[in-house]
Amino acid sequence: SRGSQRERDRERAQARAGGKGKTKDDGLTPEQRRERDAKALQEKAAKKAAQAAGAATSGGGGKGNNNKK
């Protein structure tokens, strides 16, 4: 009886999700995806570095060097 409830719940969850499924196909080749992700990571790192530089010049709150990656 538990198995049938699990099956019903799975169907309900899929209906709530709108039948999206688990496809991650964004129309990109793996190489294009790697380039896009690398660019996003570089932008994120640059933004974080700029934020850290801004915090260092404005006092930074006295917490020391907290450059976590």
N, C-alpha and C. Protein backbone atom coordinates (compact mmCIF):
# COMPACT_ATOMS: atom_id res chain seq x y z
N SER A 1 0.83 -1.20 0.00
CA SER A 1 0.00 0.00 0.00
C SER A 1 0.86 1.26 0.00
N ARG A 2 2.03 1.16 0.65
CA ARG A 2 2.92 2.32 0.67
C ARG A 2 3.47 2.60 -0.72
N GLY A 3 3.73 1.55 -1.47
CA GLY A 3 4.25 1.71 -2.82
C GLY A 3 3.29 2.46 -3.72
N SER A 4 2.01 2.18 -3.59
CA SER A 4 1.04 2.87 -4.43
C SER A 4 0.94 4.34 -4.04
N GLN A 5 1.06 4.65 -2.76
CA GLN A 5 1.02 6.05 -2.34
C GLN A 5 2.23 6.80 -2.87
N ARG A 6 3.37 6.14 -2.84
CA ARG A 6 4.59 6.75 -3.37
C ARG A 6 4.41 7.07 -4.85
N GLU A 7 3.80 6.12 -5.56
CA GLU A 7 3.56 6.31 -6.99
C GLU A 7 2.59 7.48 -7.23
N ARG A 8 1.52 7.55 -6.45
CA ARG A 8 0.56 8.66 -6.59
C ARG A 8 1.23 9.99 -6.28
N ASP A 9 2.03 10.01 -5.22
CA ASP A 9 2.71 11.24 -4.84
C ASP A 9 3.67 11.70 -5.93
N ARG A 10 4.35 10.74 -6.54
CA ARG A 10 5.27 11.06 -7.63
C ARG A 10 4.50 11.70 -8.79
N GLU A 11 3.33 11.14 -9.11
CA GLU A 11 2.51 11.70 -10.19
C GLU A 11 2.03 13.11 -9.84
N ARG A 12 1.62 13.31 -8.60
CA ARG A 12 1.16 14.64 -8.19
C ARG A 12 2.29 15.66 -8.25
N ALA A 13 3.48 15.25 -7.81
CA ALA A 13 4.62 16.15 -7.84
C ALA A 13 4.96 16.52 -9.27
N GLN A 14 4.87 15.57 -10.17
CA GLN A 14 5.18 15.85 -11.57
C GLN A 14 4.12 16.80 -12.15
N ALA A 15 2.88 16.63 -11.75
CA ALA A 15 1.83 17.51 -12.23
C ALA A 15 2.05 18.93 -11.71
N ARG A 16 2.48 19.05 -10.45
CA ARG A 16 2.75 20.38 -9.88
C ARG A 16 3.91 21.05 -10.59
N ALA A 17 4.90 20.26 -10.99
CA ALA A 17 6.07 20.82 -11.65
C ALA A 17 5.75 21.25 -13.08
N GLY A 18 4.56 20.96 -13.54
CA GLY A 18 4.19 21.36 -14.88
C GLY A 18 4.77 20.45 -15.95
N GLY A 19 5.17 19.26 -15.56
CA GLY A 19 5.73 18.32 -16.52
C GLY A 19 7.07 18.76 -17.09
N LYS A 20 7.83 19.52 -16.31
CA LYS A 20 9.11 20.03 -16.78
C LYS A 20 10.11 18.91 -17.04
N GLY A 21 10.13 17.93 -16.16
CA GLY A 21 11.11 16.87 -16.29
C GLY A 21 12.47 17.34 -15.79
N LYS A 22 13.50 16.58 -16.09
CA LYS A 22 14.84 16.91 -15.59
C LYS A 22 15.78 17.26 -16.73
N THR A 23 15.25 17.74 -17.84
CA THR A 23 16.13 18.05 -18.95
C THR A 23 16.80 19.39 -18.73
N LYS A 24 18.10 19.44 -18.92
CA LYS A 24 18.87 20.67 -18.76
C LYS A 24 19.37 21.13 -20.11
N ASP A 25 18.63 20.83 -21.17
CA ASP A 25 19.08 21.15 -22.52
C ASP A 25 18.82 22.63 -22.79
N ASP A 26 19.89 23.43 -22.80
CA ASP A 26 19.74 24.85 -23.08
C ASP A 26 20.22 25.18 -24.49
N GLY A 27 20.35 24.15 -25.33
CA GLY A 27 20.73 24.37 -26.72
C GLY A 27 22.21 24.63 -26.92
N LEU A 28 23.04 24.34 -25.92
CA LEU A 28 24.47 24.60 -26.03
C LEU A 28 25.24 23.29 -26.08
N THR A 29 26.35 23.32 -26.77
CA THR A 29 27.25 22.18 -26.75
C THR A 29 28.01 22.21 -25.43
N PRO A 30 28.59 21.10 -25.03
CA PRO A 30 29.36 21.11 -23.78
C PRO A 30 30.47 22.17 -23.78
N GLU A 31 31.10 22.37 -24.93
CA GLU A 31 32.17 23.38 -25.01
C GLU A 31 31.61 24.79 -24.79
N GLN A 32 30.47 25.08 -25.41
CA GLN A 32 29.84 26.40 -25.22
C GLN A 32 29.43 26.59 -23.77
N ARG A 33 28.93 25.52 -23.17
CA ARG A 33 28.51 25.61 -21.76
C ARG A 33 29.71 25.89 -20.87
N ARG A 34 30.84 25.22 -21.14
CA ARG A 34 32.06 25.47 -20.36
C ARG A 34 32.51 26.92 -20.49
N GLU A 35 32.46 27.44 -21.73
CA GLU A 35 32.87 28.84 -21.94
C GLU A 35 31.95 29.79 -21.20
N ARG A 36 30.65 29.54 -21.27
CA ARG A 36 29.69 30.40 -20.58
C ARG A 36 29.91 30.36 -19.07
N ASP A 37 30.12 29.16 -18.53
CA ASP A 37 30.31 29.02 -17.09
C ASP A 37 31.62 29.67 -16.66
N ALA A 38 32.68 29.52 -17.46
CA ALA A 38 33.96 30.13 -17.12
C ALA A 38 33.84 31.64 -17.10
N LYS A 39 33.12 32.18 -18.09
CA LYS A 39 32.94 33.63 -18.14
C LYS A 39 32.16 34.11 -16.92
N ALA A 40 31.12 33.38 -16.55
CA ALA A 40 30.32 33.76 -15.38
C ALA A 40 31.16 33.71 -14.11
N LEU A 41 32.02 32.70 -14.00
CA LEU A 41 32.87 32.60 -12.81
C LEU A 41 33.88 33.73 -12.75
N GLN A 42 34.43 34.10 -13.92
CA GLN A 42 35.39 35.21 -13.95
C GLN A 42 34.71 36.52 -13.53
N GLU A 43 33.49 36.74 -14.04
CA GLU A 43 32.76 37.95 -13.67
C GLU A 43 32.47 37.97 -12.18
N LYS A 44 32.08 36.81 -11.65
CA LYS A 44 31.78 36.72 -10.22
C LYS A 44 33.02 36.99 -9.39
N ALA A 45 34.17 36.44 -9.81
CA ALA A 45 35.42 36.65 -9.08
C ALA A 45 35.84 38.11 -9.14
N ALA A 46 35.66 38.74 -10.31
CA ALA A 46 36.02 40.15 -10.46
C ALA A 46 35.14 41.02 -9.57
N LYS A 47 33.87 40.69 -9.53
CA LYS A 47 32.94 41.45 -8.69
C LYS A 47 33.31 41.31 -7.22
N LYS A 48 33.66 40.08 -6.82
CA LYS A 48 34.03 39.84 -5.43
C LYS A 48 35.33 40.56 -5.08
N ALA A 49 36.29 40.56 -6.02
CA ALA A 49 37.56 41.24 -5.79
C ALA A 49 37.34 42.75 -5.67
N ALA A 50 36.48 43.29 -6.50
CA ALA A 50 36.18 44.72 -6.43
C ALA A 50 35.50 45.05 -5.11
N GLN A 51 34.63 44.17 -4.69
CA GLN A 51 33.93 44.39 -3.42
C GLN A 51 34.93 44.32 -2.26
N ALA A 52 35.86 43.38 -2.32
CA ALA A 52 36.86 43.24 -1.28
C ALA A 52 37.78 44.46 -1.26
N ALA A 53 38.14 44.96 -2.44
CA ALA A 53 38.99 46.14 -2.51
C ALA A 53 38.26 47.35 -1.93
N GLY A 54 36.98 47.45 -2.21
CA GLY A 54 36.18 48.56 -1.67
C GLY A 54 36.07 48.46 -0.16
N ALA A 55 35.91 47.26 0.35
CA ALA A 55 35.79 47.07 1.79
C ALA A 55 37.12 47.36 2.48
N ALA A 56 38.24 47.03 1.83
CA ALA A 56 39.55 47.25 2.43
C ALA A 56 39.85 48.73 2.54
N THR A 57 39.43 49.52 1.56
CA THR A 57 39.72 50.95 1.60
C THR A 57 38.79 51.69 2.55
N SER A 58 37.62 51.11 2.83
CA SER A 58 36.67 51.81 3.70
C SER A 58 36.73 51.31 5.14
N GLY A 59 37.83 50.69 5.53
CA GLY A 59 37.96 50.22 6.90
C GLY A 59 37.75 48.74 7.02
N GLY A 60 36.75 48.20 6.34
CA GLY A 60 36.53 46.76 6.33
C GLY A 60 35.97 46.17 7.61
N GLY A 61 35.72 46.94 8.64
CA GLY A 61 35.12 46.43 9.86
C GLY A 61 36.11 45.76 10.78
N GLY A 62 37.39 45.73 10.46
CA GLY A 62 38.39 45.18 11.34
C GLY A 62 38.36 43.68 11.49
N LYS A 63 37.88 42.97 10.48
CA LYS A 63 37.77 41.53 10.59
C LYS A 63 38.99 40.81 10.01
N GLY A 64 39.92 41.54 9.47
CA GLY A 64 41.12 40.89 8.92
C GLY A 64 40.91 40.43 7.51
N ASN A 65 41.76 39.52 7.08
CA ASN A 65 41.74 39.04 5.71
C ASN A 65 40.83 37.82 5.60
N ASN A 66 39.67 37.98 4.98
CA ASN A 66 38.74 36.86 4.85
C ASN A 66 38.42 36.61 3.39
N ASN A 67 39.46 36.29 2.62
CA ASN A 67 39.29 35.98 1.19
C ASN A 67 38.99 34.51 1.02
N LYS A 68 37.75 34.12 1.22
CA LYS A 68 37.34 32.73 1.08
C LYS A 68 36.99 32.47 -0.37
N LYS A 69 37.32 31.27 -0.84
CA LYS A 69 36.97 30.91 -2.22
C LYS A 69 36.08 29.70 -2.23
